[in-house]
Protein backbone atom coordinates (compact mmCIF):
# COMPACT_ATOMS: atom_id res chain seq x y z
CA MET A 1 127.63 233.40 -166.19
CA ASN A 2 128.18 230.63 -163.64
CA ARG A 3 130.92 231.31 -161.09
CA GLN A 4 132.47 229.42 -158.20
CA ILE A 5 133.82 231.55 -155.33
CA GLN A 6 135.39 230.94 -151.95
CA SER A 7 134.39 232.70 -148.76
CA PRO A 8 136.00 234.63 -147.21
CA MET A 9 136.30 236.43 -150.53
CA VAL A 10 139.43 237.79 -152.11
CA SER A 11 139.01 241.55 -151.77
CA ASP A 12 139.15 242.34 -155.50
CA GLU A 13 136.98 239.37 -156.50
CA THR A 14 133.76 241.34 -156.15
CA ALA A 15 134.70 243.53 -159.12
CA SER A 16 134.49 240.51 -161.43
CA LEU A 17 130.97 239.58 -160.28
CA LYS A 18 128.20 241.11 -162.38
CA ALA A 19 124.47 241.47 -161.73
CA GLY A 20 122.77 238.37 -163.08
CA ASP A 21 125.71 236.00 -162.49
CA TYR A 22 124.88 232.64 -160.92
CA VAL A 23 127.37 232.03 -158.13
CA TYR A 24 128.17 228.96 -156.04
CA ILE A 25 129.80 229.80 -152.71
CA THR A 26 132.07 227.38 -150.86
CA GLY A 27 133.66 228.16 -147.50
CA THR A 28 132.65 230.08 -144.39
CA ILE A 29 129.68 232.43 -144.22
CA TYR A 30 127.93 233.92 -141.19
CA THR A 31 124.24 234.29 -140.48
CA ALA A 32 122.70 237.37 -138.88
CA ARG A 33 119.23 238.85 -138.87
CA ASP A 34 117.58 241.92 -137.35
CA ALA A 35 118.30 241.35 -133.67
CA ALA A 36 121.93 240.36 -134.27
CA HIS A 37 122.48 243.38 -136.52
CA LYS A 38 121.02 245.65 -133.83
CA ARG A 39 123.41 244.18 -131.24
CA MET A 40 126.39 244.60 -133.56
CA GLN A 41 125.40 248.25 -134.11
CA GLU A 42 125.13 248.79 -130.36
CA ALA A 43 128.58 247.20 -129.88
CA LEU A 44 130.07 249.53 -132.50
CA GLU A 45 128.47 252.56 -130.84
CA LYS A 46 130.08 251.52 -127.53
CA GLY A 47 133.46 251.01 -129.20
CA GLU A 48 133.35 247.27 -128.57
CA LYS A 49 134.77 244.57 -130.79
CA LEU A 50 132.31 242.68 -132.99
CA PRO A 51 131.82 238.96 -132.27
CA ILE A 52 132.69 237.93 -135.84
CA PRO A 53 135.32 239.04 -138.33
CA LEU A 54 133.91 241.19 -141.14
CA GLU A 55 136.91 241.60 -143.43
CA ASN A 56 136.09 239.92 -146.78
CA GLN A 57 133.22 237.94 -145.19
CA ILE A 58 129.67 237.21 -146.35
CA ILE A 59 126.63 237.51 -144.07
CA TYR A 60 123.54 235.47 -144.89
CA TYR A 61 120.30 237.01 -143.65
CA MET A 62 118.79 233.78 -142.35
CA GLY A 63 117.32 232.25 -139.21
CA PRO A 64 117.18 228.46 -139.56
CA SER A 65 114.54 226.07 -138.37
CA PRO A 66 115.66 223.32 -135.97
CA ALA A 67 117.95 220.69 -137.45
CA ARG A 68 116.57 217.28 -138.27
CA GLU A 69 118.39 214.26 -136.91
CA GLY A 70 121.67 213.78 -138.72
CA ARG A 71 121.65 217.25 -140.32
CA PRO A 72 123.68 220.30 -139.23
CA ILE A 73 120.75 222.70 -139.75
CA GLY A 74 117.07 222.83 -140.60
CA SER A 75 115.46 224.78 -143.39
CA ALA A 76 117.70 227.75 -144.22
CA GLY A 77 115.86 230.18 -146.48
CA PRO A 78 116.71 233.86 -146.88
CA THR A 79 115.17 236.70 -144.88
CA THR A 80 114.06 239.98 -146.47
CA ALA A 81 117.23 242.06 -146.66
CA GLY A 82 115.57 245.44 -146.25
CA ARG A 83 115.13 244.75 -142.54
CA MET A 84 118.93 245.05 -142.15
CA ASP A 85 119.36 248.15 -144.32
CA ARG A 86 119.74 250.65 -141.46
CA TYR A 87 122.73 248.66 -140.15
CA THR A 88 124.35 247.56 -143.41
CA PRO A 89 126.39 250.60 -144.54
CA ALA A 90 128.43 250.59 -141.31
CA LEU A 91 129.23 246.88 -141.68
CA LEU A 92 130.23 247.31 -145.32
CA ASP A 93 132.49 250.21 -144.31
CA LEU A 94 134.20 247.79 -141.88
CA GLY A 95 135.11 245.31 -144.62
CA LEU A 96 132.06 243.08 -145.16
CA LYS A 97 132.19 242.04 -148.84
CA GLY A 98 128.91 240.26 -149.43
CA MET A 99 125.38 239.81 -148.19
CA ILE A 100 122.81 237.14 -149.06
CA GLY A 101 119.11 237.79 -148.68
CA LYS A 102 116.02 238.47 -150.73
CA GLY A 103 114.36 241.67 -151.84
CA LYS A 104 115.37 245.20 -152.71
CA ARG A 105 117.90 247.42 -150.91
CA THR A 106 117.80 251.13 -150.10
CA GLN A 107 119.82 253.71 -151.97
CA GLU A 108 122.05 254.11 -148.87
CA VAL A 109 122.95 250.42 -149.04
CA LYS A 110 123.56 250.62 -152.79
CA ASP A 111 125.86 253.61 -152.24
CA ALA A 112 127.79 251.66 -149.57
CA ILE A 113 128.05 248.66 -151.93
CA ILE A 114 129.60 250.87 -154.61
CA ARG A 115 131.84 252.76 -152.13
CA ASN A 116 133.22 249.52 -150.67
CA LYS A 117 133.19 247.41 -153.86
CA CYS A 118 130.86 244.81 -152.32
CA VAL A 119 128.07 242.62 -153.69
CA TYR A 120 124.52 241.70 -152.74
CA PHE A 121 123.42 238.18 -153.57
CA ALA A 122 119.89 236.78 -153.56
CA ALA A 123 119.03 233.25 -152.51
CA VAL A 124 115.77 231.74 -153.65
CA GLY A 125 113.00 232.37 -151.14
CA GLY A 126 110.89 229.30 -150.41
CA ALA A 127 113.79 226.94 -151.12
CA GLY A 128 115.17 226.77 -147.58
CA ALA A 129 115.06 222.97 -147.40
CA LEU A 130 117.06 222.69 -150.60
CA LEU A 131 119.52 225.41 -149.56
CA SER A 132 120.15 223.61 -146.26
CA LYS A 133 121.61 220.68 -148.20
CA CYS A 134 124.55 222.93 -149.16
CA ILE A 135 125.33 223.61 -145.48
CA GLN A 136 127.86 221.14 -144.13
CA ASN A 137 128.29 222.56 -140.64
CA SER A 138 126.53 225.11 -138.42
CA GLU A 139 127.87 226.52 -135.17
CA GLU A 140 126.40 229.26 -132.97
CA VAL A 141 129.16 231.80 -132.39
CA ALA A 142 127.44 234.83 -130.82
CA TYR A 143 124.24 236.05 -129.18
CA ASP A 144 122.97 232.56 -128.40
CA ASP A 145 120.21 234.08 -126.26
CA LEU A 146 118.57 235.22 -129.52
CA GLY A 147 117.65 231.65 -130.49
CA THR A 148 117.18 231.41 -134.25
CA GLU A 149 118.51 234.96 -134.58
CA ALA A 150 121.87 234.04 -133.01
CA ILE A 151 124.89 234.51 -135.23
CA ARG A 152 126.01 231.23 -136.77
CA LYS A 153 129.14 230.28 -138.61
CA LEU A 154 128.28 228.05 -141.54
CA GLN A 155 130.47 225.89 -143.71
CA VAL A 156 128.87 225.75 -147.15
CA LYS A 157 129.63 223.91 -150.36
CA ASP A 158 128.29 225.14 -153.71
CA PHE A 159 125.69 227.36 -152.04
CA PRO A 160 123.65 228.81 -154.97
CA VAL A 161 123.00 232.55 -155.20
CA ILE A 162 122.47 235.19 -157.87
CA VAL A 163 124.28 238.53 -157.96
CA VAL A 164 121.53 241.15 -157.61
CA ILE A 165 123.59 244.30 -156.97
CA ASP A 166 127.18 244.28 -158.18
CA SER A 167 130.09 246.45 -157.04
CA ALA A 168 129.37 248.99 -159.79
CA GLY A 169 125.81 249.43 -158.51
CA ARG A 170 124.04 247.56 -161.30
CA ASP A 171 120.77 246.33 -159.77
CA LEU A 172 119.14 243.29 -161.35
CA TYR A 173 115.81 243.98 -159.63
CA GLU A 174 115.67 247.47 -161.16
CA GLU A 175 116.63 246.18 -164.61
CA VAL A 176 113.99 243.46 -164.60
CA ARG A 177 111.35 245.86 -163.32
CA GLY A 178 112.26 248.29 -166.10
CA GLN A 179 111.44 245.62 -168.70
CA ASP A 180 107.76 245.48 -167.67
């Protein structure tokens, strides 16, 4: 099924998304990769406030290439999600509703997805130049010393993703692998 959603998400919207759905996201999403996730975890351990809101938000695991002249961002392909798995359950427990990446997730992340009624989307790896065309604005908002791993706030329009793990825990990767 093809779906259009807005981000930030409506909290009960994730229940209607099913593994295998094609989704087009419009609105605000944030980027964060390994180093930014580590810093957010350290901030939480110190009792500090996070630099971005998590409630009903989507984080895209992506570090862009430099922007070409006249464009808000360079190539913007997904990073392997498993690199964020040790940090993800805590962020989901704080209200994060969606993640975009590529690749499988651990059982701990799947359990946190189910517990918090969240969703994991996949973006097509290798299509970063095409995905960047859906990004209308990019602004560094935290950890600028991390360069491409800084947290960015993106404004996206019809950003294409596929639901890989839905809020009930259905995992498209596992289902496809089981058909071999």
